[in-house]
Amino acid sequence: MERSEEIVPALDAAKAGGAAALNVLASPLLHGNRRTIIMRTLELRLPAIYQWPDTTKEGGLLGYGPRFPEVFRLLARQLARTLRGANPADLPVEQPTKFELAVNERTAKATGIHFDATLLARADEVIE
């Protein structure tokens, strides 16, 4: 998928093809169109998990991954080292070490999904 216009038809085709759930990966195209994806997955009653926990605040069902501030903090640290003269090729690869699970119970109810109490207890954030 390369264009925004391809997202809704791709979601429809996935549902028609028997998809039971959706994993929305972290990409600029998908993140930039997250509201469209959230709304269409709700209409299709297609459970979706997103790579960014912050997406649940916008109506996404589940989000598992690092928070944006942590990713930007790592990026800023790498940028500061580069601006101080470090060769980018010499910098170590850094990845987030803390991943969070966020659950949106309102979206779950709208799609007819019931989360087990143990999942809700383990979530870092539950939107009710």
Protein backbone atom coordinates (compact mmCIF):
# COMPACT_ATOMS: atom_id res chain seq x y z
CA MET A 1 0.00 0.00 0.00
CA GLU A 2 1.44 3.32 -1.05
CA ARG A 3 -1.44 5.81 -0.98
CA SER A 4 -4.08 6.87 1.52
CA GLU A 5 -6.85 6.00 -0.95
CA GLU A 6 -5.83 2.33 -0.78
CA ILE A 7 -6.39 1.97 2.97
CA VAL A 8 -10.19 1.58 3.17
CA PRO A 9 -10.36 -0.86 0.22
CA ALA A 10 -7.54 -2.88 1.81
CA LEU A 11 -9.43 -3.04 5.12
CA ASP A 12 -12.60 -4.06 3.32
CA ALA A 13 -10.74 -6.76 1.39
CA ALA A 14 -9.15 -8.07 4.58
CA LYS A 15 -12.54 -8.38 6.25
CA ALA A 16 -14.11 -9.96 3.15
CA GLY A 17 -11.18 -12.37 2.98
CA GLY A 18 -11.92 -13.61 6.48
CA ALA A 19 -9.54 -11.56 8.61
CA ALA A 20 -10.49 -11.91 12.26
CA ALA A 21 -8.21 -9.10 13.50
CA LEU A 22 -5.75 -6.50 12.29
CA ASN A 23 -2.22 -5.53 13.32
CA VAL A 24 -1.59 -1.93 12.26
CA LEU A 25 2.16 -1.54 11.94
CA ALA A 26 4.12 1.61 12.60
CA SER A 27 4.53 3.47 9.33
CA PRO A 28 4.11 7.12 8.37
CA LEU A 29 1.29 6.26 5.94
CA LEU A 30 -0.70 4.22 8.46
CA HIS A 31 -0.08 6.58 11.36
CA GLY A 32 -1.07 9.58 9.27
CA ASN A 33 -4.33 7.82 8.41
CA ARG A 34 -4.99 6.31 11.84
CA ARG A 35 -8.36 8.04 12.28
CA THR A 36 -9.59 6.58 9.00
CA ILE A 37 -8.33 3.15 10.03
CA ILE A 38 -9.88 3.40 13.49
CA MET A 39 -13.26 4.43 12.09
CA ARG A 40 -13.29 1.76 9.37
CA THR A 41 -12.24 -1.05 11.72
CA LEU A 42 -15.06 0.02 14.06
CA GLU A 43 -17.55 -0.05 11.18
CA LEU A 44 -16.30 -3.50 10.15
CA ARG A 45 -16.20 -4.69 13.78
CA LEU A 46 -12.63 -5.75 13.08
CA PRO A 47 -10.43 -5.77 16.22
CA ALA A 48 -7.16 -3.95 15.68
CA ILE A 49 -3.95 -3.54 17.65
CA TYR A 50 -1.70 -0.58 16.95
CA GLN A 51 2.05 -0.17 17.43
CA TRP A 52 1.56 3.01 19.44
CA PRO A 53 -0.34 2.92 22.78
CA ASP A 54 -1.29 6.57 22.24
CA THR A 55 -3.66 5.45 19.45
CA THR A 56 -6.13 4.10 22.00
CA LYS A 57 -6.88 7.65 23.14
CA GLU A 58 -8.21 8.29 19.64
CA GLY A 59 -10.45 5.21 19.63
CA GLY A 60 -8.06 2.40 18.76
CA LEU A 61 -8.89 -0.90 20.48
CA LEU A 62 -5.41 -1.92 21.67
CA GLY A 63 -1.98 -0.34 21.51
CA TYR A 64 1.27 -2.03 22.41
CA GLY A 65 4.66 -0.42 22.01
CA PRO A 66 6.71 2.53 23.17
CA ARG A 67 5.20 5.92 23.92
CA PHE A 68 5.99 8.75 21.52
CA PRO A 69 7.88 10.84 24.10
CA GLU A 70 10.33 7.97 24.69
CA VAL A 71 10.94 7.50 20.97
CA PHE A 72 11.49 11.22 20.49
CA ARG A 73 13.82 11.31 23.51
CA LEU A 74 15.98 8.63 21.89
CA LEU A 75 15.90 10.51 18.60
CA ALA A 76 16.88 13.78 20.30
CA ARG A 77 19.81 12.08 22.04
CA GLN A 78 21.11 10.72 18.71
CA LEU A 79 20.63 14.09 17.04
CA ALA A 80 22.49 15.91 19.83
CA ARG A 81 25.43 13.51 19.51
CA THR A 82 25.52 14.06 15.75
CA LEU A 83 25.35 17.83 16.11
CA ARG A 84 28.26 17.66 18.58
CA GLY A 85 30.34 16.07 15.84
CA ALA A 86 29.84 12.33 16.28
CA ASN A 87 29.87 10.28 13.13
CA PRO A 88 26.36 8.82 12.74
CA ALA A 89 27.85 5.50 11.62
CA ASP A 90 29.67 5.25 14.96
CA LEU A 91 26.56 5.78 17.08
CA PRO A 92 25.01 2.69 18.63
CA VAL A 93 21.55 1.63 17.55
CA GLU A 94 19.13 2.51 20.32
CA GLN A 95 15.68 1.06 20.75
CA PRO A 96 13.00 1.74 23.34
CA THR A 97 13.20 -0.57 26.33
CA LYS A 98 9.78 0.11 27.80
CA PHE A 99 6.69 -1.09 25.97
CA GLU A 100 3.22 -0.29 27.24
CA LEU A 101 -0.16 -1.90 26.72
CA ALA A 102 -3.15 0.41 26.39
CA VAL A 103 -6.73 -0.84 26.12
CA ASN A 104 -9.81 1.11 25.09
CA GLU A 105 -12.87 -0.49 26.71
CA ARG A 106 -15.29 1.89 24.97
CA THR A 107 -14.07 0.66 21.60
CA ALA A 108 -14.21 -2.93 22.82
CA LYS A 109 -17.87 -2.54 23.78
CA ALA A 110 -18.65 -0.88 20.44
CA THR A 111 -17.14 -3.84 18.58
CA GLY A 112 -18.68 -6.46 20.86
CA ILE A 113 -15.43 -7.55 22.46
CA HIS A 114 -15.06 -8.42 26.13
CA PHE A 115 -11.61 -8.28 27.71
CA ASP A 116 -10.70 -10.65 30.49
CA ALA A 117 -10.08 -8.99 33.84
CA THR A 118 -6.49 -10.28 33.90
CA LEU A 119 -5.69 -8.46 30.65
CA LEU A 120 -7.18 -5.25 32.00
CA ALA A 121 -5.21 -5.65 35.22
CA ARG A 122 -1.96 -6.02 33.28
CA ALA A 123 -2.60 -3.04 31.00
CA ASP A 124 -0.62 0.11 31.66
CA GLU A 125 -3.61 2.21 30.65
CA VAL A 126 -7.32 1.39 30.38
CA ILE A 127 -9.64 3.89 28.74
CA GLU A 128 -13.18 3.45 30.05
